[in-house]
Amino acid sequence: MSDFMNEGWSNYITLVSLVGIIWCIWLLFSQRKAKVIHTAEGTVSDTGHVWDGDLRELNNPLPNWWRWMYLIGCLFGLTYLALYPGLGSYSGLLDFTTSKELTTSMEQANQELKPIYAKYSNMSIEQVAVDPKAQEIGQRLFLNSCSQCHGSDAGGSTGFPNLTDADWLYGGKPQDIQATITLGRNGVMPPFAAIADQQVDDVANYTRSLSSLPNDTKKSERGAAVFKTYCVACHGNDGKGNMALGAPNLTDKVWLYGGSQEKIIETIIKGRMAMMPAQDKVLSVEKIKLLTAYVWGLSNNKATSDK
C-alpha cells in the first residue's frame, strides 16, 4: 500500500478507510437509542417481514454481547491500521514491511546455516562440484531458485538456456557462472524490422547454413553480405558469437528460440529480450558458491578434487 503514484491517491485511500470504520461505530451507537415498539398485547412488534407463512422478523434490540463484539472489531481495525501499513502510504507506527521481514528472516537463516557451509569455504568450485553432500544442497537450491525457468532437469526451454550442455552465452567457467548467478544478465537482440523482406529471408538462410541446416544456397550467398552488414558486430565474422556480449554462437545447432526459418526470421525482425535476475539479494555468498558448483557440474563430468 506504500507505492502510490501521487499523494492524492494515498489520502483518498486513507479517508475512505477511516470514514468507513467511524461510520460503522456511529451506526452502532445511533441504533442504541432506538426504542422497541410493542403491540397492544405487550409483545414486541415485527418489522413487517414474514417468511414461510409464520416466520416473523421481530423488532428486538441487539444483544449486548453482539454490540461489544462489533465495537471490539472496529477498534481492532483502527489499532491495526495505526500499527501496520494500510492507510495509503502511511507506514505504521511499527514501520513493518514484508520485504524487511523477508530480509530479516533470510539473514537469520543464513547465520544458522553458516556452520553447514563452512567446510566448503576453502574449497574451489571444482572441488565442491564433486562433493556428494554439496551436490545435494546445490540441487535443492537449484530447484528452489532456478528450476522455474531452466526446468527441474536444467534442460531449459524456449528462451531459457539448457544448462546441461557445453553451450554457454556468457561463458561456462566457474567464475563466469558465479558472476551470472550473482549479478544476473540482460540479453538484447535488437529488432531489424527496417531490413527488406528479401534480405531478411536471405540472411535467415545464411544463418541456417552456418550450422549446416537445410537452406537455399542462392539465398545464403546473398545473405552473407547482409550478415556482414548487420550481424558481425555481435556474432562475429565467423558467426561464433561473443561471450562478452552474450551473443550466441550461430555455428552450432543450439537455438535458444528455435532454429527454423520462421523462428530465425521472427528473431531478426522482432528482436529478443532476455533477463537472468541477479541472486545476490536473495542468496548468500555461500549458497551462490554451492549453486555455482552444482550448475558447473551439470556439464562437466570430470571435476577436479583434492586427490
C-alpha atoms as a PDB file:
ATOM      1  CA  MET A   1       0.000   0.000   0.000  1.00  0.00           C
ATOM      2  CA  SER A   2       3.027   2.323   0.005  1.00  0.00           C
ATOM      3  CA  ASP A   3       3.649   2.616  -3.744  1.00  0.00           C
ATOM      4  CA  PHE A   4       1.240   5.337  -4.893  1.00  0.00           C
ATOM      5  CA  MET A   5       1.736   7.482  -7.975  1.00  0.00           C
ATOM      6  CA  ASN A   6       0.843  10.626  -6.045  1.00  0.00           C
ATOM      7  CA  GLU A   7      -0.179  11.750  -2.560  1.00  0.00           C
ATOM      8  CA  GLY A   8      -3.775  12.321  -3.659  1.00  0.00           C
ATOM      9  CA  TRP A   9      -4.495   8.605  -4.033  1.00  0.00           C
ATOM     10  CA  SER A  10      -2.850   7.904  -0.686  1.00  0.00           C
ATOM     11  CA  ASN A  11      -5.077  10.453   1.042  1.00  0.00           C
ATOM     12  CA  TYR A  12      -8.142   9.090  -0.749  1.00  0.00           C
ATOM     13  CA  ILE A  13      -7.490   5.531   0.473  1.00  0.00           C
ATOM     14  CA  THR A  14      -6.832   6.809   3.999  1.00  0.00           C
ATOM     15  CA  LEU A  15     -10.051   8.842   4.057  1.00  0.00           C
ATOM     16  CA  VAL A  16     -12.233   6.015   2.748  1.00  0.00           C
ATOM     17  CA  SER A  17     -10.784   3.523   5.255  1.00  0.00           C
ATOM     18  CA  LEU A  18     -11.163   5.752   8.318  1.00  0.00           C
ATOM     19  CA  VAL A  19     -14.587   7.147   7.403  1.00  0.00           C
ATOM     20  CA  GLY A  20     -15.868   3.607   6.800  1.00  0.00           C
ATOM     21  CA  ILE A  21     -14.845   2.370  10.256  1.00  0.00           C
ATOM     22  CA  ILE A  22     -16.003   5.542  12.047  1.00  0.00           C
ATOM     23  CA  TRP A  23     -19.365   5.318  10.268  1.00  0.00           C
ATOM     24  CA  CYS A  24     -19.767   1.730  11.475  1.00  0.00           C
ATOM     25  CA  ILE A  25     -19.136   2.846  15.077  1.00  0.00           C
ATOM     26  CA  TRP A  26     -21.589   5.740  14.717  1.00  0.00           C
ATOM     27  CA  LEU A  27     -24.212   3.360  13.303  1.00  0.00           C
ATOM     28  CA  LEU A  28     -23.834   1.081  16.309  1.00  0.00           C
ATOM     29  CA  PHE A  29     -24.361   3.823  18.871  1.00  0.00           C
ATOM     30  CA  SER A  30     -27.123   5.529  16.909  1.00  0.00           C
ATOM     31  CA  GLN A  31     -29.184   2.344  16.983  1.00  0.00           C
ATOM     32  CA  ARG A  32     -28.869   2.003  20.748  1.00  0.00           C
ATOM     33  CA  LYS A  33     -31.242   4.955  21.119  1.00  0.00           C
ATOM     34  CA  ALA A  34     -33.959   3.365  19.040  1.00  0.00           C
ATOM     35  CA  LYS A  35     -36.933   2.369  21.158  1.00  0.00           C
ATOM     36  CA  VAL A  36     -38.543  -1.010  20.849  1.00  0.00           C
ATOM     37  CA  ILE A  37     -42.145  -0.784  19.686  1.00  0.00           C
ATOM     38  CA  HIS A  38     -44.644  -3.024  21.457  1.00  0.00           C
ATOM     39  CA  THR A  39     -48.061  -4.118  20.311  1.00  0.00           C
ATOM     40  CA  ALA A  40     -51.275  -3.541  22.296  1.00  0.00           C
ATOM     41  CA  GLU A  41     -50.863  -7.019  23.750  1.00  0.00           C
ATOM     42  CA  GLY A  42     -47.422  -6.053  25.101  1.00  0.00           C
ATOM     43  CA  THR A  43     -45.421  -8.204  22.693  1.00  0.00           C
ATOM     44  CA  VAL A  44     -42.616  -6.895  20.508  1.00  0.00           C
ATOM     45  CA  SER A  45     -43.886  -5.713  17.162  1.00  0.00           C
ATOM     46  CA  ASP A  46     -42.402  -7.141  13.986  1.00  0.00           C
ATOM     47  CA  THR A  47     -40.843  -5.282  11.076  1.00  0.00           C
ATOM     48  CA  GLY A  48     -43.421  -6.483   8.605  1.00  0.00           C
ATOM     49  CA  HIS A  49     -41.082  -9.102   7.111  1.00  0.00           C
ATOM     50  CA  VAL A  50     -42.655 -12.568   7.180  1.00  0.00           C
ATOM     51  CA  TRP A  51     -41.246 -15.752   5.598  1.00  0.00           C
ATOM     52  CA  ASP A  52     -42.757 -19.202   5.187  1.00  0.00           C
ATOM     53  CA  GLY A  53     -46.124 -18.016   6.431  1.00  0.00           C
ATOM     54  CA  ASP A  54     -45.325 -17.547  10.128  1.00  0.00           C
ATOM     55  CA  LEU A  55     -41.640 -16.713  10.418  1.00  0.00           C
ATOM     56  CA  ARG A  56     -41.641 -13.059  11.516  1.00  0.00           C
ATOM     57  CA  GLU A  57     -38.692 -10.662  11.917  1.00  0.00           C
ATOM     58  CA  LEU A  58     -39.144  -9.037  15.333  1.00  0.00           C
ATOM     59  CA  ASN A  59     -38.027  -5.545  16.252  1.00  0.00           C
ATOM     60  CA  ASN A  60     -35.890  -6.697  19.225  1.00  0.00           C
ATOM     61  CA  PRO A  61     -32.814  -4.690  20.255  1.00  0.00           C
ATOM     62  CA  LEU A  62     -29.369  -6.125  19.549  1.00  0.00           C
ATOM     63  CA  PRO A  63     -27.946  -8.194  22.405  1.00  0.00           C
ATOM     64  CA  ASN A  64     -25.172  -6.564  24.402  1.00  0.00           C
ATOM     65  CA  TRP A  65     -22.617  -9.277  23.590  1.00  0.00           C
ATOM     66  CA  TRP A  66     -23.146  -8.627  19.887  1.00  0.00           C
ATOM     67  CA  ARG A  67     -22.675  -4.859  20.384  1.00  0.00           C
ATOM     68  CA  TRP A  68     -19.415  -5.395  22.235  1.00  0.00           C
ATOM     69  CA  MET A  69     -18.071  -7.810  19.615  1.00  0.00           C
ATOM     70  CA  TYR A  70     -18.939  -5.322  16.872  1.00  0.00           C
ATOM     71  CA  LEU A  71     -17.256  -2.455  18.721  1.00  0.00           C
ATOM     72  CA  ILE A  72     -14.150  -4.527  19.509  1.00  0.00           C
ATOM     73  CA  GLY A  73     -13.877  -5.436  15.812  1.00  0.00           C
ATOM     74  CA  CYS A  74     -13.975  -1.759  14.793  1.00  0.00           C
ATOM     75  CA  LEU A  75     -11.418  -0.762  17.437  1.00  0.00           C
ATOM     76  CA  PHE A  76      -9.169  -3.644  16.382  1.00  0.00           C
ATOM     77  CA  GLY A  77      -9.292  -2.339  12.792  1.00  0.00           C
ATOM     78  CA  LEU A  78      -8.289   1.164  13.869  1.00  0.00           C
ATOM     79  CA  THR A  79      -5.468  -0.173  16.051  1.00  0.00           C
ATOM     80  CA  TYR A  80      -4.170  -2.389  13.250  1.00  0.00           C
ATOM     81  CA  LEU A  81      -4.155   0.490  10.766  1.00  0.00           C
ATOM     82  CA  ALA A  82      -2.267   2.626  13.289  1.00  0.00           C
ATOM     83  CA  LEU A  83       0.442  -0.004  13.802  1.00  0.00           C
ATOM     84  CA  TYR A  84       0.786  -1.507  10.319  1.00  0.00           C
ATOM     85  CA  PRO A  85       0.675  -0.187   6.719  1.00  0.00           C
ATOM     86  CA  GLY A  86      -2.834   0.087   5.360  1.00  0.00           C
ATOM     87  CA  LEU A  87      -3.709   3.768   5.237  1.00  0.00           C
ATOM     88  CA  GLY A  88      -2.362   4.802   1.857  1.00  0.00           C
ATOM     89  CA  SER A  89       1.384   5.458   2.042  1.00  0.00           C
ATOM     90  CA  TYR A  90       1.417   5.575   5.870  1.00  0.00           C
ATOM     91  CA  SER A  91       3.990   3.003   7.055  1.00  0.00           C
ATOM     92  CA  GLY A  92       2.506   2.434  10.517  1.00  0.00           C
ATOM     93  CA  LEU A  93       3.977   3.020  13.983  1.00  0.00           C
ATOM     94  CA  LEU A  94       5.869  -0.301  13.827  1.00  0.00           C
ATOM     95  CA  ASP A  95       7.315   0.535  10.394  1.00  0.00           C
ATOM     96  CA  PHE A  96       6.549  -3.013   9.257  1.00  0.00           C
ATOM     97  CA  THR A  97       7.229  -4.122   5.672  1.00  0.00           C
ATOM     98  CA  THR A  98       7.090  -7.598   4.164  1.00  0.00           C
ATOM     99  CA  SER A  99      10.400  -7.006   2.389  1.00  0.00           C
ATOM    100  CA  LYS A 100      12.085  -6.113   5.687  1.00  0.00           C
ATOM    101  CA  GLU A 101      10.598  -9.191   7.343  1.00  0.00           C
ATOM    102  CA  LEU A 102      11.820 -11.377   4.467  1.00  0.00           C
ATOM    103  CA  THR A 103      15.312  -9.881   4.643  1.00  0.00           C
ATOM    104  CA  THR A 104      15.496 -10.423   8.397  1.00  0.00           C
ATOM    105  CA  SER A 105      14.277 -13.999   8.040  1.00  0.00           C
ATOM    106  CA  MET A 106      16.826 -14.721   5.313  1.00  0.00           C
ATOM    107  CA  GLU A 107      19.684 -13.196   7.302  1.00  0.00           C
ATOM    108  CA  GLN A 108      18.730 -15.287  10.314  1.00  0.00           C
ATOM    109  CA  ALA A 109      18.559 -18.449   8.190  1.00  0.00           C
ATOM    110  CA  ASN A 110      21.935 -17.686   6.597  1.00  0.00           C
ATOM    111  CA  GLN A 111      23.536 -17.298  10.026  1.00  0.00           C
ATOM    112  CA  GLU A 112      22.069 -20.607  11.193  1.00  0.00           C
ATOM    113  CA  LEU A 113      23.310 -22.392   8.060  1.00  0.00           C
ATOM    114  CA  LYS A 114      26.849 -20.972   8.108  1.00  0.00           C
ATOM    115  CA  PRO A 115      28.283 -23.938  10.056  1.00  0.00           C
ATOM    116  CA  ILE A 116      26.981 -26.279   7.337  1.00  0.00           C
ATOM    117  CA  TYR A 117      28.603 -24.224   4.577  1.00  0.00           C
ATOM    118  CA  ALA A 118      31.851 -23.593   6.471  1.00  0.00           C
ATOM    119  CA  LYS A 119      33.554 -26.746   5.193  1.00  0.00           C
ATOM    120  CA  TYR A 120      33.188 -25.535   1.592  1.00  0.00           C
ATOM    121  CA  SER A 121      34.572 -22.026   2.122  1.00  0.00           C
ATOM    122  CA  ASN A 122      38.190 -23.001   1.401  1.00  0.00           C
ATOM    123  CA  MET A 123      37.358 -25.414  -1.409  1.00  0.00           C
ATOM    124  CA  SER A 124      37.398 -24.487  -5.082  1.00  0.00           C
ATOM    125  CA  ILE A 125      34.174 -24.649  -7.051  1.00  0.00           C
ATOM    126  CA  GLU A 126      35.538 -27.659  -8.953  1.00  0.00           C
ATOM    127  CA  GLN A 127      36.163 -29.453  -5.656  1.00  0.00           C
ATOM    128  CA  VAL A 128      32.729 -28.559  -4.313  1.00  0.00           C
ATOM    129  CA  ALA A 129      31.214 -29.887  -7.545  1.00  0.00           C
ATOM    130  CA  VAL A 130      32.338 -33.448  -6.758  1.00  0.00           C
ATOM    131  CA  ASP A 131      31.323 -33.427  -3.096  1.00  0.00           C
ATOM    132  CA  PRO A 132      28.134 -35.553  -2.793  1.00  0.00           C
ATOM    133  CA  LYS A 133      26.703 -33.582   0.151  1.00  0.00           C
ATOM    134  CA  ALA A 134      27.393 -30.248  -1.575  1.00  0.00           C
ATOM    135  CA  GLN A 135      25.661 -31.501  -4.704  1.00  0.00           C
ATOM    136  CA  GLU A 136      22.571 -32.441  -2.707  1.00  0.00           C
ATOM    137  CA  ILE A 137      22.444 -28.937  -1.244  1.00  0.00           C
ATOM    138  CA  GLY A 138      23.127 -27.387  -4.651  1.00  0.00           C
ATOM    139  CA  GLN A 139      20.344 -29.365  -6.248  1.00  0.00           C
ATOM    140  CA  ARG A 140      17.841 -28.158  -3.654  1.00  0.00           C
ATOM    141  CA  LEU A 141      18.996 -24.573  -4.187  1.00  0.00           C
ATOM    142  CA  PHE A 142      18.590 -25.052  -7.928  1.00  0.00           C
ATOM    143  CA  LEU A 143      15.076 -26.462  -7.571  1.00  0.00           C
ATOM    144  CA  ASN A 144      14.078 -23.536  -5.341  1.00  0.00           C
ATOM    145  CA  SER A 145      15.686 -20.709  -7.306  1.00  0.00           C
ATOM    146  CA  CYS A 146      16.321 -21.820 -10.902  1.00  0.00           C
ATOM    147  CA  SER A 147      14.007 -24.629 -11.980  1.00  0.00           C
ATOM    148  CA  GLN A 148      11.104 -22.252 -12.657  1.00  0.00           C
ATOM    149  CA  CYS A 149      12.934 -21.086 -15.801  1.00  0.00           C
ATOM    150  CA  HIS A 150      15.510 -23.769 -16.584  1.00  0.00           C
ATOM    151  CA  GLY A 151      13.386 -26.771 -15.615  1.00  0.00           C
ATOM    152  CA  SER A 152      13.879 -29.274 -12.805  1.00  0.00           C
ATOM    153  CA  ASP A 153      16.327 -31.193 -15.025  1.00  0.00           C
ATOM    154  CA  ALA A 154      18.129 -27.955 -16.053  1.00  0.00           C
ATOM    155  CA  GLY A 155      17.311 -28.789 -19.665  1.00  0.00           C
ATOM    156  CA  GLY A 156      15.828 -25.354 -20.316  1.00  0.00           C
ATOM    157  CA  SER A 157      13.073 -24.474 -22.763  1.00  0.00           C
ATOM    158  CA  THR A 158      12.364 -21.878 -25.428  1.00  0.00           C
ATOM    159  CA  GLY A 159      14.076 -18.671 -24.303  1.00  0.00           C
ATOM    160  CA  PHE A 160      15.734 -20.354 -21.304  1.00  0.00           C
ATOM    161  CA  PRO A 161      19.170 -21.951 -21.835  1.00  0.00           C
ATOM    162  CA  ASN A 162      19.946 -25.625 -21.355  1.00  0.00           C
ATOM    163  CA  LEU A 163      22.487 -25.815 -18.524  1.00  0.00           C
ATOM    164  CA  THR A 164      23.470 -29.432 -19.104  1.00  0.00           C
ATOM    165  CA  ASP A 165      25.311 -28.948 -22.416  1.00  0.00           C
ATOM    166  CA  ALA A 166      28.564 -27.126 -23.159  1.00  0.00           C
ATOM    167  CA  ASP A 167      26.930 -24.184 -24.920  1.00  0.00           C
ATOM    168  CA  TRP A 168      27.230 -21.001 -22.837  1.00  0.00           C
ATOM    169  CA  LEU A 169      26.148 -17.479 -23.724  1.00  0.00           C
ATOM    170  CA  TYR A 170      28.370 -15.754 -21.152  1.00  0.00           C
ATOM    171  CA  GLY A 171      30.961 -18.456 -20.523  1.00  0.00           C
ATOM    172  CA  GLY A 172      30.915 -21.801 -18.749  1.00  0.00           C
ATOM    173  CA  LYS A 173      33.914 -21.388 -16.467  1.00  0.00           C
ATOM    174  CA  PRO A 174      33.160 -21.459 -12.718  1.00  0.00           C
ATOM    175  CA  GLN A 175      33.831 -17.727 -12.344  1.00  0.00           C
ATOM    176  CA  ASP A 176      31.565 -16.956 -15.317  1.00  0.00           C
ATOM    177  CA  ILE A 177      28.683 -18.981 -13.901  1.00  0.00           C
ATOM    178  CA  GLN A 178      29.195 -17.441 -10.468  1.00  0.00           C
ATOM    179  CA  ALA A 179      29.086 -13.941 -11.970  1.00  0.00           C
ATOM    180  CA  THR A 180      25.905 -14.786 -13.883  1.00  0.00           C
ATOM    181  CA  ILE A 181      24.138 -16.088 -10.779  1.00  0.00           C
ATOM    182  CA  THR A 182      25.346 -13.234  -8.588  1.00  0.00           C
ATOM    183  CA  LEU A 183      24.807 -10.234 -10.879  1.00  0.00           C
ATOM    184  CA  GLY A 184      22.299 -11.574 -13.392  1.00  0.00           C
ATOM    185  CA  ARG A 185      22.358 -10.990 -17.147  1.00  0.00           C
ATOM    186  CA  ASN A 186      20.430  -8.809 -19.587  1.00  0.00           C
ATOM    187  CA  GLY A 187      20.485 -10.091 -23.164  1.00  0.00           C
ATOM    188  CA  VAL A 188      19.234  -7.956 -26.030  1.00  0.00           C
ATOM    189  CA  MET A 189      18.907  -8.864 -29.683  1.00  0.00           C
ATOM    190  CA  PRO A 190      17.842  -5.602 -31.390  1.00  0.00           C
ATOM    191  CA  PRO A 191      14.997  -5.778 -33.938  1.00  0.00           C
ATOM    192  CA  PHE A 192      15.817  -5.206 -37.605  1.00  0.00           C
ATOM    193  CA  ALA A 193      12.327  -4.525 -38.894  1.00  0.00           C
ATOM    194  CA  ALA A 194      13.665  -1.956 -41.376  1.00  0.00           C
ATOM    195  CA  ILE A 195      15.545  -4.585 -43.396  1.00  0.00           C
ATOM    196  CA  ALA A 196      13.807  -5.537 -46.636  1.00  0.00           C
ATOM    197  CA  ASP A 197      11.823  -8.786 -46.560  1.00  0.00           C
ATOM    198  CA  GLN A 198      14.060 -10.386 -49.189  1.00  0.00           C
ATOM    199  CA  GLN A 199      17.174  -9.542 -47.199  1.00  0.00           C
ATOM    200  CA  VAL A 200      15.669 -10.994 -44.029  1.00  0.00           C
ATOM    201  CA  ASP A 201      14.860 -14.207 -45.874  1.00  0.00           C
ATOM    202  CA  ASP A 202      18.380 -14.308 -47.316  1.00  0.00           C
ATOM    203  CA  VAL A 203      20.192 -13.723 -44.043  1.00  0.00           C
ATOM    204  CA  ALA A 204      17.984 -16.300 -42.289  1.00  0.00           C
ATOM    205  CA  ASN A 205      19.082 -18.867 -44.895  1.00  0.00           C
ATOM    206  CA  TYR A 206      22.698 -17.865 -44.387  1.00  0.00           C
ATOM    207  CA  THR A 207      22.331 -18.201 -40.617  1.00  0.00           C
ATOM    208  CA  ARG A 208      20.968 -21.720 -41.040  1.00  0.00           C
ATOM    209  CA  SER A 209      23.869 -22.571 -43.344  1.00  0.00           C
ATOM    210  CA  LEU A 210      26.355 -21.677 -40.596  1.00  0.00           C
ATOM    211  CA  SER A 211      25.187 -24.694 -38.588  1.00  0.00           C
ATOM    212  CA  SER A 212      24.718 -26.930 -41.662  1.00  0.00           C
ATOM    213  CA  LEU A 213      20.928 -26.788 -41.540  1.00  0.00           C
ATOM    214  CA  PRO A 214      18.946 -27.119 -44.798  1.00  0.00           C
ATOM    215  CA  ASN A 215      18.946 -23.812 -46.687  1.00  0.00           C
ATOM    216  CA  ASP A 216      18.614 -22.233 -50.119  1.00  0.00           C
ATOM    217  CA  THR A 217      22.155 -21.903 -51.480  1.00  0.00           C
ATOM    218  CA  LYS A 218      21.491 -18.845 -53.646  1.00  0.00           C
ATOM    219  CA  LYS A 219      19.716 -17.027 -50.839  1.00  0.00           C
ATOM    220  CA  SER A 220      22.522 -17.947 -48.441  1.00  0.00           C
ATOM    221  CA  GLU A 221      25.106 -16.433 -50.778  1.00  0.00           C
ATOM    222  CA  ARG A 222      23.177 -13.163 -50.853  1.00  0.00           C
ATOM    223  CA  GLY A 223      22.561 -13.390 -47.110  1.00  0.00           C
ATOM    224  CA  ALA A 224      26.277 -13.484 -46.357  1.00  0.00           C
ATOM    225  CA  ALA A 225      26.586  -9.831 -47.419  1.00  0.00           C
ATOM    226  CA  VAL A 226      23.549  -8.877 -45.279  1.00  0.00           C
ATOM    227  CA  PHE A 227      25.087 -10.731 -42.325  1.00  0.00           C
ATOM    228  CA  LYS A 228      28.333  -8.758 -42.653  1.00  0.00           C
ATOM    229  CA  THR A 229      26.371  -5.517 -42.660  1.00  0.00           C
ATOM    230  CA  TYR A 230      24.068  -6.101 -39.705  1.00  0.00           C
ATOM    231  CA  CYS A 231      25.226  -9.102 -37.650  1.00  0.00           C
ATOM    232  CA  VAL A 232      29.012  -9.342 -37.385  1.00  0.00           C
ATOM    233  CA  ALA A 233      29.245  -6.617 -34.717  1.00  0.00           C
ATOM    234  CA  CYS A 234      27.797  -9.042 -32.182  1.00  0.00           C
ATOM    235  CA  HIS A 235      28.089 -12.520 -33.687  1.00  0.00           C
ATOM    236  CA  GLY A 236      31.500 -12.057 -35.326  1.00  0.00           C
ATOM    237  CA  ASN A 237      32.680 -12.663 -38.888  1.00  0.00           C
ATOM    238  CA  ASP A 238      32.544 -16.409 -38.390  1.00  0.00           C
ATOM    239  CA  GLY A 239      29.177 -16.324 -36.571  1.00  0.00           C
ATOM    240  CA  LYS A 240      30.632 -17.920 -33.434  1.00  0.00           C
ATOM    241  CA  GLY A 241      29.262 -15.237 -31.155  1.00  0.00           C
ATOM    242  CA  ASN A 242      30.742 -13.144 -28.381  1.00  0.00           C
ATOM    243  CA  MET A 243      30.505 -14.253 -24.754  1.00  0.00           C
ATOM    244  CA  ALA A 244      31.327 -10.766 -23.519  1.00  0.00           C
ATOM    245  CA  LEU A 245      28.050  -9.581 -25.076  1.00  0.00           C
ATOM    246  CA  GLY A 246      26.070 -12.753 -24.591  1.00  0.00           C
ATOM    247  CA  ALA A 247      25.746 -13.048 -28.386  1.00  0.00           C
ATOM    248  CA  PRO A 248      25.114 -16.730 -29.189  1.00  0.00           C
ATOM    249  CA  ASN A 249      27.208 -18.966 -31.372  1.00  0.00           C
ATOM    250  CA  LEU A 250      25.322 -19.456 -34.658  1.00  0.00           C
ATOM    251  CA  THR A 251      27.564 -22.220 -35.967  1.00  0.00           C
ATOM    252  CA  ASP A 252      26.381 -24.951 -33.609  1.00  0.00           C
ATOM    253  CA  LYS A 253      22.906 -26.448 -33.609  1.00  0.00           C
ATOM    254  CA  VAL A 254      21.803 -24.966 -30.299  1.00  0.00           C
ATOM    255  CA  TRP A 255      18.941 -22.488 -30.711  1.00  0.00           C
ATOM    256  CA  LEU A 256      17.506 -20.583 -27.780  1.00  0.00           C
ATOM    257  CA  TYR A 257      14.342 -19.502 -29.604  1.00  0.00           C
ATOM    258  CA  GLY A 258      14.221 -22.100 -32.353  1.00  0.00           C
ATOM    259  CA  GLY A 259      16.291 -22.695 -35.489  1.00  0.00           C
ATOM    260  CA  SER A 260      13.549 -22.994 -38.084  1.00  0.00           C
ATOM    261  CA  GLN A 261      13.453 -20.497 -40.950  1.00  0.00           C
ATOM    262  CA  GLU A 262      10.322 -18.924 -39.486  1.00  0.00           C
ATOM    263  CA  LYS A 263      11.752 -18.574 -35.974  1.00  0.00           C
ATOM    264  CA  ILE A 264      15.001 -17.049 -37.196  1.00  0.00           C
ATOM    265  CA  ILE A 265      13.085 -14.536 -39.324  1.00  0.00           C
ATOM    266  CA  GLU A 266      10.935 -13.691 -36.298  1.00  0.00           C
ATOM    267  CA  THR A 267      14.068 -13.140 -34.196  1.00  0.00           C
ATOM    268  CA  ILE A 268      15.616 -10.856 -36.812  1.00  0.00           C
ATOM    269  CA  ILE A 269      12.506  -8.743 -37.332  1.00  0.00           C
ATOM    270  CA  LYS A 270      11.244  -8.507 -33.737  1.00  0.00           C
ATOM    271  CA  GLY A 271      14.459  -8.941 -31.777  1.00  0.00           C
ATOM    272  CA  ARG A 272      14.702 -10.721 -28.426  1.00  0.00           C
ATOM    273  CA  MET A 273      14.810  -9.538 -24.828  1.00  0.00           C
ATOM    274  CA  ALA A 274      16.124 -11.885 -22.141  1.00  0.00           C
ATOM    275  CA  MET A 275      16.842 -11.343 -18.458  1.00  0.00           C
ATOM    276  CA  MET A 276      18.503 -13.529 -15.871  1.00  0.00           C
ATOM    277  CA  PRO A 277      17.652 -11.998 -12.455  1.00  0.00           C
ATOM    278  CA  ALA A 278      20.507 -11.317 -10.041  1.00  0.00           C
ATOM    279  CA  GLN A 279      20.521 -13.566  -6.973  1.00  0.00           C
ATOM    280  CA  ASP A 280      22.882 -11.582  -4.728  1.00  0.00           C
ATOM    281  CA  LYS A 281      19.946 -10.071  -2.841  1.00  0.00           C
ATOM    282  CA  VAL A 282      18.241 -13.446  -2.481  1.00  0.00           C
ATOM    283  CA  LEU A 283      21.025 -15.944  -1.851  1.00  0.00           C
ATOM    284  CA  SER A 284      24.030 -15.671   0.457  1.00  0.00           C
ATOM    285  CA  VAL A 285      27.601 -15.873  -0.876  1.00  0.00           C
ATOM    286  CA  GLU A 286      27.867 -19.413   0.483  1.00  0.00           C
ATOM    287  CA  LYS A 287      24.680 -20.533  -1.262  1.00  0.00           C
ATOM    288  CA  ILE A 288      25.758 -18.955  -4.553  1.00  0.00           C
ATOM    289  CA  LYS A 289      29.031 -20.885  -4.387  1.00  0.00           C
ATOM    290  CA  LEU A 290      27.230 -24.189  -3.876  1.00  0.00           C
ATOM    291  CA  LEU A 291      24.741 -23.383  -6.619  1.00  0.00           C
ATOM    292  CA  THR A 292      27.582 -22.427  -8.972  1.00  0.00           C
ATOM    293  CA  ALA A 293      29.295 -25.744  -8.288  1.00  0.00           C
ATOM    294  CA  TYR A 294      26.095 -27.649  -8.969  1.00  0.00           C
ATOM    295  CA  VAL A 295      25.414 -25.864 -12.264  1.00  0.00           C
ATOM    296  CA  TRP A 296      29.044 -26.171 -13.376  1.00  0.00           C
ATOM    297  CA  GLY A 297      28.967 -29.885 -12.556  1.00  0.00           C
ATOM    298  CA  LEU A 298      25.917 -30.458 -14.778  1.00  0.00           C
ATOM    299  CA  SER A 299      28.034 -30.030 -17.924  1.00  0.00           C
ATOM    300  CA  ASN A 300      31.414 -31.121 -16.553  1.00  0.00           C
ATOM    301  CA  ASN A 301      31.604 -34.801 -15.779  1.00  0.00           C
ATOM    302  CA  LYS A 302      35.282 -34.687 -14.911  1.00  0.00           C
ATOM    303  CA  ALA A 303      35.764 -32.304 -11.986  1.00  0.00           C
ATOM    304  CA  THR A 304      38.975 -31.864 -10.052  1.00  0.00           C
ATOM    305  CA  SER A 305      39.232 -32.920  -6.433  1.00  0.00           C
ATOM    306  CA  ASP A 306      41.646 -32.809  -3.504  1.00  0.00           C
ATOM    307  CA  LYS A 307      43.329 -36.029  -4.580  1.00  0.00           C
END
